[in-house]
């Protein structure tokens, strides 16, 4: 057993790596297209179409307004409890959500789960994002607007929420 702990143990199979020593981007040693004419044997070499390289797209993290739109949708559609937003709201926003969550204003209609169609945000001032989202459930589309504020700890928190043009305030029922 080796005492060198900076690299993994050796290969167990005897075949070795399948790709060329230069890595996956090096040119293949066998041509991609091999043909014995129009009538090649059933088990013989055939023409292989050129392969597209699959470049992995780097994972792009959600922007704050997209992240909050997904969370607000989950709470207002009844998929998540309102206390899921407890540390992510300030001011009246949590009270608004606590009042509205039981009525689930963005609930699924006719068995279709609501989904976020579009979400856009604008930054009117430093540390503030005002965003809107379009939410679809079946043949119904709803609008949601919300305001995010960045605290001294650099965390974003939801400060206000509106649905379909009506402000969601504690004590006032939302649209039905």
Protein backbone atom coordinates (compact mmCIF):
# COMPACT_ATOMS: atom_id res chain seq x y z
CA UNK A 1 0.00 0.00 0.00
CA UNK A 2 1.30 3.42 -0.93
CA UNK A 3 1.80 6.15 1.64
CA UNK A 4 1.32 8.87 -1.00
CA UNK A 5 -2.14 10.30 -0.22
CA UNK A 6 -2.15 13.08 -2.80
CA UNK A 7 -3.57 10.95 -5.62
CA UNK A 8 -6.09 8.14 -5.84
CA UNK A 9 -5.10 4.49 -5.92
CA UNK A 10 -4.14 2.96 -9.27
CA UNK A 11 -6.57 1.53 -11.80
CA UNK A 12 -7.93 -1.91 -11.15
CA UNK A 13 -8.71 -2.80 -14.75
CA UNK A 14 -5.95 -3.72 -17.17
CA UNK A 15 -7.40 -1.95 -20.23
CA UNK A 16 -6.23 1.54 -19.31
CA UNK A 17 -8.00 4.76 -20.22
CA UNK A 18 -10.17 4.76 -23.35
CA UNK A 19 -9.30 8.26 -24.52
CA UNK A 20 -6.00 9.41 -25.98
CA UNK A 21 -3.31 10.63 -23.56
CA UNK A 22 -4.03 14.24 -24.55
CA UNK A 23 -7.53 14.02 -23.05
CA UNK A 24 -10.95 14.09 -24.65
CA UNK A 25 -10.15 17.04 -26.94
CA UNK A 26 -7.30 15.34 -28.77
CA UNK A 27 -7.88 14.03 -32.29
CA UNK A 28 -9.13 10.44 -32.45
CA UNK A 29 -6.69 7.83 -33.73
CA UNK A 30 -9.40 6.14 -35.85
CA UNK A 31 -11.18 8.11 -38.58
CA UNK A 32 -14.84 8.85 -37.83
CA UNK A 33 -16.07 7.75 -41.24
CA UNK A 34 -15.03 4.41 -42.60
CA UNK A 35 -16.73 2.86 -45.63
CA UNK A 36 -16.17 -0.25 -47.70
CA UNK A 37 -18.33 1.04 -50.51
CA UNK A 38 -22.09 0.99 -50.91
CA UNK A 39 -22.46 -2.73 -50.06
CA UNK A 40 -20.53 -3.33 -46.89
CA UNK A 41 -21.06 -6.51 -44.90
CA UNK A 42 -23.73 -6.43 -42.15
CA UNK A 43 -21.14 -6.59 -39.39
CA UNK A 44 -18.52 -4.59 -41.29
CA UNK A 45 -17.56 -0.96 -40.85
CA UNK A 46 -20.18 1.65 -41.68
CA UNK A 47 -20.23 5.37 -42.20
CA UNK A 48 -20.55 7.19 -38.89
CA UNK A 49 -22.05 10.68 -38.94
CA UNK A 50 -19.93 13.41 -37.40
CA UNK A 51 -20.60 13.79 -33.69
CA UNK A 52 -21.42 17.11 -32.08
CA UNK A 53 -19.35 17.91 -29.06
CA UNK A 54 -21.43 18.50 -25.98
CA UNK A 55 -19.96 21.42 -24.20
CA UNK A 56 -21.26 21.63 -20.71
CA UNK A 57 -22.84 24.95 -19.96
CA UNK A 58 -21.57 26.31 -16.68
CA UNK A 59 -24.26 26.31 -14.02
CA UNK A 60 -25.56 29.84 -13.82
CA UNK A 61 -26.94 30.57 -10.36
CA UNK A 62 -30.36 32.17 -10.19
CA UNK A 63 -30.45 35.92 -9.76
CA UNK A 64 -32.05 37.11 -6.50
CA UNK A 65 -35.38 38.07 -8.10
CA UNK A 66 -35.65 34.70 -9.88
CA UNK A 67 -34.86 32.84 -6.67
CA UNK A 68 -37.48 34.82 -4.73
CA UNK A 69 -40.09 34.39 -7.48
CA UNK A 70 -39.72 30.61 -7.24
CA UNK A 71 -40.04 30.74 -3.45
CA UNK A 72 -43.02 33.08 -3.45
CA UNK A 73 -44.75 30.89 -6.02
CA UNK A 74 -44.17 27.81 -3.87
CA UNK A 75 -45.68 29.51 -0.80
CA UNK A 76 -48.63 31.20 -2.54
CA UNK A 77 -49.54 28.02 -4.41
CA UNK A 78 -49.55 25.92 -1.24
CA UNK A 79 -46.55 23.78 -2.18
CA UNK A 80 -44.50 25.10 0.76
CA UNK A 81 -45.45 26.45 4.20
CA UNK A 82 -45.23 30.17 4.79
CA UNK A 83 -42.54 29.80 7.48
CA UNK A 84 -40.22 28.71 4.67
CA UNK A 85 -39.89 32.46 3.94
CA UNK A 86 -39.37 33.49 7.57
CA UNK A 87 -35.74 34.62 7.27
CA UNK A 88 -36.19 35.96 3.75
CA UNK A 89 -38.75 38.70 4.41
CA UNK A 90 -38.74 42.05 6.20
CA UNK A 91 -41.42 44.44 7.36
CA UNK A 92 -44.99 43.54 6.45
CA UNK A 93 -44.03 41.04 3.75
CA UNK A 94 -44.08 38.04 6.10
CA UNK A 95 -47.41 39.13 7.61
CA UNK A 96 -48.83 39.49 4.07
CA UNK A 97 -47.65 36.00 3.16
CA UNK A 98 -48.94 34.50 6.43
CA UNK A 99 -52.37 36.02 5.79
CA UNK A 100 -52.53 34.88 2.18
CA UNK A 101 -50.91 31.45 2.26
CA UNK A 102 -53.97 29.57 3.58
CA UNK A 103 -56.11 30.81 0.65
CA UNK A 104 -53.39 29.80 -1.87
CA UNK A 105 -54.12 32.50 -4.48
CA UNK A 106 -51.75 30.87 -6.99
CA UNK A 107 -53.04 27.32 -6.49
CA UNK A 108 -53.16 24.81 -9.30
CA UNK A 109 -56.25 24.78 -11.49
CA UNK A 110 -57.67 21.57 -12.93
CA UNK A 111 -54.69 19.49 -11.85
CA UNK A 112 -52.01 21.65 -13.49
CA UNK A 113 -49.22 22.87 -11.27
CA UNK A 114 -48.39 26.60 -11.49
CA UNK A 115 -45.09 27.44 -13.15
CA UNK A 116 -42.99 30.55 -13.44
CA UNK A 117 -43.14 31.72 -17.07
CA UNK A 118 -41.07 34.91 -16.98
CA UNK A 119 -39.29 36.87 -14.31
CA UNK A 120 -37.62 40.23 -14.83
CA UNK A 121 -36.12 42.70 -12.42
CA UNK A 122 -34.96 46.30 -12.35
CA UNK A 123 -32.65 48.02 -9.91
CA UNK A 124 -34.01 51.54 -9.24
CA UNK A 125 -31.43 52.15 -6.49
CA UNK A 126 -28.43 50.42 -5.03
CA UNK A 127 -29.53 47.52 -2.85
CA UNK A 128 -33.10 47.48 -4.22
CA UNK A 129 -34.65 45.24 -6.88
CA UNK A 130 -38.21 45.61 -8.10
CA UNK A 131 -39.30 42.53 -10.01
CA UNK A 132 -42.32 41.06 -11.74
CA UNK A 133 -43.17 37.51 -12.67
CA UNK A 134 -45.70 35.84 -14.94
CA UNK A 135 -47.18 32.65 -13.50
CA UNK A 136 -49.19 30.11 -15.49
CA UNK A 137 -51.45 27.38 -14.17
CA UNK A 138 -53.38 25.61 -16.91
CA UNK A 139 -55.03 28.20 -19.12
CA UNK A 140 -54.79 30.89 -16.44
CA UNK A 141 -51.94 33.43 -16.23
CA UNK A 142 -51.33 35.60 -13.16
CA UNK A 143 -48.96 38.46 -12.49
CA UNK A 144 -46.87 38.88 -9.36
CA UNK A 145 -44.70 41.86 -8.42
CA UNK A 146 -42.35 42.11 -5.47
CA UNK A 147 -39.62 44.28 -4.03
CA UNK A 148 -36.31 43.03 -2.67
CA UNK A 149 -33.99 44.97 -0.41
CA UNK A 150 -30.40 44.11 0.39
CA UNK A 151 -29.50 44.35 4.06
CA UNK A 152 -26.24 45.35 5.70
CA UNK A 153 -25.32 41.64 5.76
CA UNK A 154 -25.57 41.61 1.90
CA UNK A 155 -28.58 39.24 1.99
CA UNK A 156 -31.64 39.96 -0.11
CA UNK A 157 -35.03 40.02 1.62
CA UNK A 158 -38.54 40.47 0.28
CA UNK A 159 -40.14 43.74 1.43
CA UNK A 160 -43.45 43.77 -0.50
CA UNK A 161 -45.60 41.50 -2.67
CA UNK A 162 -48.45 42.27 -5.09
CA UNK A 163 -50.60 39.89 -7.12
CA UNK A 164 -52.59 40.82 -10.22
CA UNK A 165 -52.42 44.55 -9.58
CA UNK A 166 -53.83 44.36 -6.05
CA UNK A 167 -51.53 44.92 -3.13
CA UNK A 168 -51.48 42.01 -0.70
CA UNK A 169 -51.92 43.52 2.74
CA UNK A 170 -52.49 41.72 5.99
CA UNK A 171 -56.18 41.57 6.95
CA UNK A 172 -57.47 42.18 3.42
CA UNK A 173 -58.46 39.12 1.38
CA UNK A 174 -56.71 38.63 -1.94
CA UNK A 175 -58.33 38.17 -5.35
CA UNK A 176 -60.37 35.01 -5.73
